[in-house]
């Protein structure tokens, strides 16, 4: 529809308009920036947990199809669950660090108490979401193990 040079020009114009607004908004509302960073950690961690569980389930199904011993199937599932735990714990630590840095920065700039509470609540909700993701994906792995060893 558009030529390549016109497309590049449109993108450049949009970037010239959007970027300063985005930067100004971050300066005006650091609470949103903190919450967005927490949300990104949650998003990436839940996606990674889903991927780890999916790959672990594939391995379990392959082992089952090959007629592997039950111990091998259980061990493969356990490895996946350990990987999910490690990933989730690291993400929870990242969220804790983000919250602590954000709260310190907000207190330094005399932010309203409600802003500090909002960041702390976002951290708690994020950590709970990661924990729920880990639990749900470990249940998926356990289900695959149960099917394979029947």
N, C-alpha and C. Protein backbone atom coordinates (compact mmCIF):
# COMPACT_ATOMS: atom_id res chain seq x y z
N UNK A 1 0.83 -1.18 0.00
CA UNK A 1 0.00 0.00 0.00
C UNK A 1 0.88 1.25 0.00
N UNK A 2 1.79 1.36 0.96
CA UNK A 2 2.71 2.48 1.01
C UNK A 2 4.05 2.04 0.45
N UNK A 3 4.77 3.00 -0.11
CA UNK A 3 6.12 2.68 -0.55
C UNK A 3 7.00 2.58 0.67
N UNK A 4 8.17 1.97 0.50
CA UNK A 4 9.07 1.77 1.63
C UNK A 4 9.50 3.09 2.24
N UNK A 5 9.84 4.08 1.42
CA UNK A 5 10.31 5.36 1.95
C UNK A 5 9.18 6.09 2.67
N UNK A 6 7.96 5.99 2.16
CA UNK A 6 6.82 6.62 2.83
C UNK A 6 6.56 5.95 4.17
N UNK A 7 6.67 4.62 4.21
CA UNK A 7 6.48 3.88 5.45
C UNK A 7 7.52 4.30 6.48
N UNK A 8 8.77 4.43 6.05
CA UNK A 8 9.84 4.85 6.97
C UNK A 8 9.57 6.26 7.47
N UNK A 9 9.11 7.15 6.60
CA UNK A 9 8.81 8.52 7.01
C UNK A 9 7.67 8.55 8.03
N UNK A 10 6.64 7.75 7.80
CA UNK A 10 5.52 7.69 8.75
C UNK A 10 5.99 7.18 10.11
N UNK A 11 6.82 6.16 10.09
CA UNK A 11 7.34 5.62 11.35
C UNK A 11 8.18 6.66 12.07
N UNK A 12 9.02 7.38 11.33
CA UNK A 12 9.86 8.42 11.94
C UNK A 12 9.00 9.52 12.55
N UNK A 13 7.94 9.92 11.85
CA UNK A 13 7.06 10.95 12.39
C UNK A 13 6.35 10.47 13.65
N UNK A 14 5.88 9.23 13.63
CA UNK A 14 5.22 8.70 14.82
C UNK A 14 6.18 8.62 15.99
N UNK A 15 7.41 8.19 15.73
CA UNK A 15 8.40 8.10 16.80
C UNK A 15 8.71 9.47 17.38
N UNK A 16 8.74 10.49 16.53
CA UNK A 16 9.01 11.84 17.00
C UNK A 16 7.90 12.34 17.90
N UNK A 17 6.68 11.90 17.65
CA UNK A 17 5.54 12.33 18.46
C UNK A 17 5.40 11.47 19.71
N UNK A 18 5.54 10.16 19.57
CA UNK A 18 5.27 9.25 20.67
C UNK A 18 6.37 9.27 21.72
N UNK A 19 7.61 9.23 21.31
CA UNK A 19 8.72 9.08 22.25
C UNK A 19 8.76 10.19 23.31
N UNK A 20 8.69 11.49 22.93
CA UNK A 20 8.71 12.51 23.98
C UNK A 20 7.53 12.41 24.94
N UNK A 21 6.34 12.04 24.42
CA UNK A 21 5.19 11.88 25.30
C UNK A 21 5.39 10.74 26.28
N UNK A 22 5.92 9.65 25.77
CA UNK A 22 6.15 8.49 26.63
C UNK A 22 7.16 8.82 27.71
N UNK A 23 8.22 9.53 27.32
CA UNK A 23 9.24 9.91 28.30
C UNK A 23 8.67 10.87 29.34
N UNK A 24 7.87 11.82 28.90
CA UNK A 24 7.28 12.78 29.83
C UNK A 24 6.33 12.08 30.79
N UNK A 25 5.56 11.12 30.29
CA UNK A 25 4.63 10.40 31.14
C UNK A 25 5.37 9.61 32.21
N UNK A 26 6.50 9.00 31.85
CA UNK A 26 7.27 8.25 32.84
C UNK A 26 7.78 9.18 33.93
N UNK A 27 8.18 10.40 33.55
CA UNK A 27 8.66 11.35 34.55
C UNK A 27 7.52 11.80 35.45
N UNK A 28 6.33 11.92 34.89
CA UNK A 28 5.19 12.39 35.67
C UNK A 28 4.67 11.29 36.59
N UNK A 29 4.65 10.06 36.10
CA UNK A 29 4.04 8.98 36.88
C UNK A 29 4.99 7.79 37.03
N UNK A 30 5.92 7.87 37.96
CA UNK A 30 6.84 6.75 38.16
C UNK A 30 6.16 5.51 38.73
N UNK A 31 4.99 5.67 39.33
CA UNK A 31 4.25 4.52 39.86
C UNK A 31 3.87 3.59 38.72
N UNK A 32 3.36 4.16 37.64
CA UNK A 32 3.01 3.34 36.48
C UNK A 32 4.23 2.61 35.93
N UNK A 33 5.36 3.29 35.92
CA UNK A 33 6.59 2.65 35.43
C UNK A 33 6.95 1.45 36.31
N UNK A 34 6.86 1.61 37.61
CA UNK A 34 7.16 0.51 38.53
C UNK A 34 6.20 -0.65 38.32
N UNK A 35 4.93 -0.34 38.23
CA UNK A 35 3.92 -1.38 38.05
C UNK A 35 4.12 -2.08 36.71
N UNK A 36 4.46 -1.33 35.68
CA UNK A 36 4.72 -1.94 34.37
C UNK A 36 5.92 -2.87 34.41
N UNK A 37 6.96 -2.49 35.16
CA UNK A 37 8.13 -3.37 35.27
C UNK A 37 7.76 -4.67 35.99
N UNK A 38 6.96 -4.56 37.02
CA UNK A 38 6.49 -5.75 37.73
C UNK A 38 5.66 -6.62 36.78
N UNK A 39 4.77 -6.00 36.04
CA UNK A 39 3.91 -6.74 35.11
C UNK A 39 4.74 -7.46 34.05
N UNK A 40 5.82 -6.82 33.58
CA UNK A 40 6.67 -7.48 32.58
C UNK A 40 7.34 -8.72 33.16
N UNK A 41 7.80 -8.63 34.39
CA UNK A 41 8.42 -9.80 35.03
C UNK A 41 7.40 -10.92 35.15
N UNK A 42 6.19 -10.58 35.57
CA UNK A 42 5.13 -11.59 35.71
C UNK A 42 4.82 -12.21 34.35
N UNK A 43 4.67 -11.38 33.34
CA UNK A 43 4.35 -11.89 32.00
C UNK A 43 5.42 -12.85 31.50
N UNK A 44 6.67 -12.42 31.58
CA UNK A 44 7.75 -13.27 31.06
C UNK A 44 7.90 -14.56 31.87
N UNK A 45 7.69 -14.48 33.17
CA UNK A 45 7.83 -15.66 34.01
C UNK A 45 6.70 -16.66 33.76
N UNK A 46 5.48 -16.17 33.67
CA UNK A 46 4.38 -17.09 33.41
C UNK A 46 4.52 -17.73 32.03
N UNK A 47 5.00 -16.95 31.07
CA UNK A 47 5.24 -17.50 29.73
C UNK A 47 6.34 -18.57 29.80
N UNK A 48 7.41 -18.29 30.51
CA UNK A 48 8.51 -19.26 30.64
C UNK A 48 8.04 -20.52 31.36
N UNK A 49 7.25 -20.36 32.42
CA UNK A 49 6.73 -21.52 33.14
C UNK A 49 5.88 -22.40 32.23
N UNK A 50 5.05 -21.76 31.43
CA UNK A 50 4.21 -22.50 30.49
C UNK A 50 5.08 -23.25 29.48
N UNK A 51 6.13 -22.60 29.00
CA UNK A 51 7.04 -23.22 28.04
C UNK A 51 7.79 -24.41 28.67
N UNK A 52 8.30 -24.22 29.88
CA UNK A 52 9.02 -25.30 30.57
C UNK A 52 8.09 -26.49 30.77
N UNK A 53 6.88 -26.22 31.24
CA UNK A 53 5.92 -27.31 31.46
C UNK A 53 5.59 -28.01 30.14
N UNK A 54 5.38 -27.25 29.10
CA UNK A 54 5.08 -27.84 27.80
C UNK A 54 6.19 -28.74 27.30
N UNK A 55 7.41 -28.26 27.42
CA UNK A 55 8.56 -29.06 26.98
C UNK A 55 8.73 -30.30 27.86
N UNK A 56 8.53 -30.15 29.16
CA UNK A 56 8.62 -31.29 30.07
C UNK A 56 7.57 -32.33 29.73
N UNK A 57 6.37 -31.89 29.44
CA UNK A 57 5.29 -32.82 29.08
C UNK A 57 5.64 -33.55 27.78
N UNK A 58 6.22 -32.83 26.82
CA UNK A 58 6.65 -33.48 25.57
C UNK A 58 7.68 -34.58 25.86
N UNK A 59 8.63 -34.28 26.74
CA UNK A 59 9.66 -35.27 27.09
C UNK A 59 9.02 -36.48 27.77
N UNK A 60 8.09 -36.23 28.67
CA UNK A 60 7.39 -37.32 29.36
C UNK A 60 6.65 -38.19 28.36
N UNK A 61 5.96 -37.56 27.42
CA UNK A 61 5.22 -38.31 26.40
C UNK A 61 6.17 -39.13 25.52
N UNK A 62 7.33 -38.55 25.17
CA UNK A 62 8.32 -39.28 24.38
C UNK A 62 8.86 -40.48 25.15
N UNK A 63 9.16 -40.28 26.42
CA UNK A 63 9.65 -41.39 27.25
C UNK A 63 8.59 -42.49 27.34
N UNK A 64 7.35 -42.09 27.53
CA UNK A 64 6.26 -43.06 27.61
C UNK A 64 6.12 -43.84 26.30
N UNK A 65 6.22 -43.14 25.19
CA UNK A 65 6.10 -43.79 23.88
C UNK A 65 7.24 -44.78 23.64
N UNK A 66 8.41 -44.48 24.22
CA UNK A 66 9.57 -45.36 24.06
C UNK A 66 9.55 -46.51 25.06
N UNK A 67 8.58 -46.51 25.97
CA UNK A 67 8.48 -47.57 26.96
C UNK A 67 9.47 -47.43 28.09
N UNK A 68 9.84 -46.21 28.43
CA UNK A 68 10.81 -45.97 29.50
C UNK A 68 10.23 -46.40 30.85
N UNK A 69 11.13 -46.66 31.78
CA UNK A 69 10.73 -47.03 33.15
C UNK A 69 10.01 -45.85 33.81
N UNK A 70 9.14 -46.18 34.75
CA UNK A 70 8.40 -45.14 35.48
C UNK A 70 9.33 -44.17 36.19
N UNK A 71 10.45 -44.67 36.70
CA UNK A 71 11.41 -43.81 37.40
C UNK A 71 11.96 -42.73 36.47
N UNK A 72 12.21 -43.08 35.22
CA UNK A 72 12.73 -42.11 34.25
C UNK A 72 11.68 -41.04 33.95
N UNK A 73 10.43 -41.46 33.85
CA UNK A 73 9.34 -40.52 33.59
C UNK A 73 9.19 -39.56 34.76
N UNK A 74 9.20 -40.10 35.97
CA UNK A 74 9.07 -39.27 37.17
C UNK A 74 10.26 -38.32 37.29
N UNK A 75 11.46 -38.80 37.00
CA UNK A 75 12.66 -37.95 37.08
C UNK A 75 12.57 -36.80 36.08
N UNK A 76 12.10 -37.08 34.88
CA UNK A 76 11.96 -36.01 33.87
C UNK A 76 10.96 -34.97 34.35
N UNK A 77 9.86 -35.43 34.92
CA UNK A 77 8.86 -34.50 35.44
C UNK A 77 9.41 -33.68 36.59
N UNK A 78 10.18 -34.33 37.44
CA UNK A 78 10.77 -33.63 38.58
C UNK A 78 11.73 -32.54 38.12
N UNK A 79 12.51 -32.83 37.09
CA UNK A 79 13.43 -31.81 36.55
C UNK A 79 12.67 -30.59 36.07
N UNK A 80 11.56 -30.82 35.38
CA UNK A 80 10.74 -29.70 34.91
C UNK A 80 10.17 -28.89 36.05
N UNK A 81 9.70 -29.58 37.08
CA UNK A 81 9.13 -28.87 38.23
C UNK A 81 10.20 -28.06 38.98
N UNK A 82 11.40 -28.62 39.07
CA UNK A 82 12.50 -27.89 39.71
C UNK A 82 12.84 -26.64 38.90
N UNK A 83 12.87 -26.77 37.58
CA UNK A 83 13.16 -25.61 36.72
C UNK A 83 12.10 -24.53 36.89
N UNK A 84 10.85 -24.93 37.00
CA UNK A 84 9.77 -23.96 37.21
C UNK A 84 9.93 -23.28 38.57
N UNK A 85 10.26 -24.05 39.60
CA UNK A 85 10.48 -23.46 40.93
C UNK A 85 11.61 -22.45 40.91
N UNK A 86 12.72 -22.82 40.28
CA UNK A 86 13.87 -21.92 40.23
C UNK A 86 13.54 -20.63 39.49
N UNK A 87 12.87 -20.77 38.35
CA UNK A 87 12.49 -19.60 37.55
C UNK A 87 11.55 -18.70 38.34
N UNK A 88 10.59 -19.31 39.01
CA UNK A 88 9.60 -18.54 39.77
C UNK A 88 10.23 -17.84 40.97
N UNK A 89 11.13 -18.52 41.66
CA UNK A 89 11.80 -17.90 42.81
C UNK A 89 12.67 -16.73 42.38
N UNK A 90 13.37 -16.88 41.26
CA UNK A 90 14.20 -15.79 40.74
C UNK A 90 13.32 -14.59 40.36
N UNK A 91 12.18 -14.86 39.76
CA UNK A 91 11.27 -13.78 39.37
C UNK A 91 10.70 -13.09 40.60
N UNK A 92 10.35 -13.85 41.62
CA UNK A 92 9.84 -13.26 42.85
C UNK A 92 10.90 -12.35 43.48
N UNK A 93 12.15 -12.76 43.42
CA UNK A 93 13.24 -11.92 43.93
C UNK A 93 13.38 -10.64 43.11
N UNK A 94 13.24 -10.76 41.77
CA UNK A 94 13.30 -9.57 40.92
C UNK A 94 12.17 -8.61 41.27
N UNK A 95 10.98 -9.15 41.47
CA UNK A 95 9.85 -8.29 41.84
C UNK A 95 10.12 -7.60 43.17
N UNK A 96 10.64 -8.35 44.13
CA UNK A 96 10.96 -7.76 45.43
C UNK A 96 11.96 -6.62 45.27
N UNK A 97 12.98 -6.82 44.45
CA UNK A 97 13.98 -5.78 44.21
C UNK A 97 13.37 -4.55 43.55
N UNK A 98 12.51 -4.79 42.56
CA UNK A 98 11.85 -3.67 41.87
C UNK A 98 11.02 -2.87 42.86
N UNK A 99 10.24 -3.57 43.68
CA UNK A 99 9.39 -2.89 44.66
C UNK A 99 10.24 -2.08 45.63
N UNK A 100 11.30 -2.67 46.15
CA UNK A 100 12.14 -1.96 47.11
C UNK A 100 12.77 -0.70 46.50
N UNK A 101 13.28 -0.83 45.27
CA UNK A 101 13.88 0.34 44.61
C UNK A 101 12.83 1.41 44.32
N UNK A 102 11.67 0.99 43.87
CA UNK A 102 10.61 1.95 43.56
C UNK A 102 10.12 2.66 44.82
N UNK A 103 9.90 1.90 45.87
CA UNK A 103 9.43 2.50 47.12
C UNK A 103 10.47 3.48 47.65
N UNK A 104 11.73 3.11 47.61
CA UNK A 104 12.79 4.02 48.08
C UNK A 104 12.80 5.30 47.25
N UNK A 105 12.66 5.16 45.95
CA UNK A 105 12.64 6.33 45.07
C UNK A 105 11.41 7.20 45.33
N UNK A 106 10.27 6.57 45.51
CA UNK A 106 9.05 7.33 45.78
C UNK A 106 9.14 8.05 47.12
N UNK A 107 9.68 7.40 48.12
CA UNK A 107 9.84 8.04 49.42
C UNK A 107 10.82 9.21 49.34
N UNK A 108 11.86 9.02 48.55
CA UNK A 108 12.87 10.07 48.36
C UNK A 108 12.24 11.32 47.73
N UNK A 109 11.25 11.10 46.87
CA UNK A 109 10.60 12.22 46.18
C UNK A 109 9.28 12.62 46.85
N UNK A 110 9.10 12.21 48.10
CA UNK A 110 7.91 12.56 48.89
C UNK A 110 6.61 12.24 48.15
N UNK A 111 6.53 11.06 47.60
CA UNK A 111 5.31 10.63 46.90
C UNK A 111 4.21 10.38 47.92
N UNK A 112 2.98 10.49 47.50
CA UNK A 112 1.87 10.21 48.42
C UNK A 112 1.90 8.75 48.89
N UNK A 113 1.40 8.54 50.08
CA UNK A 113 1.37 7.19 50.66
C UNK A 113 0.62 6.21 49.75
N UNK A 114 -0.43 6.68 49.10
CA UNK A 114 -1.22 5.81 48.22
C UNK A 114 -0.37 5.27 47.07
N UNK A 115 0.57 6.07 46.58
CA UNK A 115 1.44 5.62 45.49
C UNK A 115 2.34 4.49 45.96
N UNK A 116 2.88 4.64 47.16
CA UNK A 116 3.76 3.61 47.73
C UNK A 116 2.97 2.32 47.97
N UNK A 117 1.76 2.47 48.50
CA UNK A 117 0.91 1.30 48.74
C UNK A 117 0.57 0.61 47.43
N UNK A 118 0.31 1.38 46.38
CA UNK A 118 -0.03 0.80 45.07
C UNK A 118 1.12 -0.04 44.53
N UNK A 119 2.35 0.45 44.69
CA UNK A 119 3.51 -0.30 44.21
C UNK A 119 3.68 -1.58 45.02
N UNK A 120 3.53 -1.48 46.33
CA UNK A 120 3.66 -2.68 47.17
C UNK A 120 2.58 -3.70 46.85
N UNK A 121 1.36 -3.24 46.64
CA UNK A 121 0.27 -4.16 46.28
C UNK A 121 0.53 -4.82 44.93
N UNK A 122 1.04 -4.05 43.98
CA UNK A 122 1.37 -4.62 42.67
C UNK A 122 2.43 -5.71 42.82
N UNK A 123 3.39 -5.48 43.71
CA UNK A 123 4.41 -6.50 43.96
C UNK A 123 3.82 -7.76 44.55
N UNK A 124 2.91 -7.59 45.52
CA UNK A 124 2.27 -8.77 46.13
C UNK A 124 1.42 -9.53 45.11
N UNK A 125 0.65 -8.80 44.33
CA UNK A 125 -0.20 -9.44 43.32
C UNK A 125 0.67 -10.14 42.28
N UNK A 126 1.78 -9.51 41.89
CA UNK A 126 2.69 -10.12 40.92
C UNK A 126 3.30 -11.40 41.45
N UNK A 127 3.74 -11.36 42.70
CA UNK A 127 4.33 -12.56 43.30
C UNK A 127 3.29 -13.68 43.41
N UNK A 128 2.06 -13.33 43.76
CA UNK A 128 0.99 -14.33 43.82
C UNK A 128 0.70 -14.92 42.45
N UNK A 129 0.73 -14.09 41.41
CA UNK A 129 0.47 -14.57 40.05
C UNK A 129 1.56 -15.54 39.61
N UNK A 130 2.79 -15.24 39.98
CA UNK A 130 3.90 -16.14 39.63
C UNK A 130 3.75 -17.46 40.38
N UNK A 131 3.41 -17.39 41.66
CA UNK A 131 3.19 -18.61 42.43
C UNK A 131 2.07 -19.46 41.86
N UNK A 132 0.99 -18.81 41.45
CA UNK A 132 -0.14 -19.53 40.86
C UNK A 132 0.26 -20.16 39.53
N UNK A 133 1.06 -19.45 38.75
CA UNK A 133 1.54 -19.99 37.47
C UNK A 133 2.39 -21.23 37.72
N UNK A 134 3.27 -21.15 38.70
CA UNK A 134 4.13 -22.30 39.02
C UNK A 134 3.27 -23.48 39.45
N UNK A 135 2.32 -23.24 40.33
CA UNK A 135 1.46 -24.32 40.82
C UNK A 135 0.68 -24.96 39.67
N UNK A 136 0.08 -24.14 38.84
CA UNK A 136 -0.74 -24.64 37.73
C UNK A 136 0.09 -25.48 36.75
N UNK A 137 1.29 -25.02 36.44
CA UNK A 137 2.12 -25.75 35.49
C UNK A 137 2.71 -27.02 36.08
N UNK A 138 2.96 -27.03 37.38
CA UNK A 138 3.41 -28.27 38.02
C UNK A 138 2.28 -29.30 38.06
N UNK A 139 1.05 -28.83 38.20
CA UNK A 139 -0.10 -29.74 38.13
C UNK A 139 -0.19 -30.35 36.74
N UNK A 140 0.05 -29.56 35.71
CA UNK A 140 0.05 -30.09 34.34
C UNK A 140 1.09 -31.20 34.19
N UNK A 141 2.27 -30.96 34.75
CA UNK A 141 3.34 -31.97 34.68
C UNK A 141 2.93 -33.22 35.45
N UNK A 142 2.39 -33.04 36.65
CA UNK A 142 1.95 -34.20 37.44
C UNK A 142 0.89 -35.01 36.70
N UNK A 143 0.00 -34.33 36.02
CA UNK A 143 -1.03 -35.01 35.24
C UNK A 143 -0.40 -35.84 34.12
N UNK A 144 0.58 -35.27 33.44
CA UNK A 144 1.27 -36.00 32.37
C UNK A 144 2.01 -37.21 32.92
N UNK A 145 2.62 -37.06 34.09
CA UNK A 145 3.31 -38.19 34.73
C UNK A 145 2.30 -39.29 35.05
N UNK A 146 1.17 -38.90 35.63
CA UNK A 146 0.15 -39.89 36.00
C UNK A 146 -0.35 -40.66 34.78
N UNK A 147 -0.55 -39.97 33.69
CA UNK A 147 -1.00 -40.64 32.46
C UNK A 147 0.08 -41.60 31.95
N UNK A 148 1.33 -41.16 32.02
CA UNK A 148 2.43 -41.97 31.47
C UNK A 148 2.69 -43.23 32.29
N UNK A 149 2.49 -43.17 33.60
CA UNK A 149 2.84 -44.35 34.41
C UNK A 149 1.65 -45.27 34.66
N UNK A 150 0.49 -44.95 34.12
CA UNK A 150 -0.68 -45.83 34.28
C UNK A 150 -0.50 -47.10 33.51
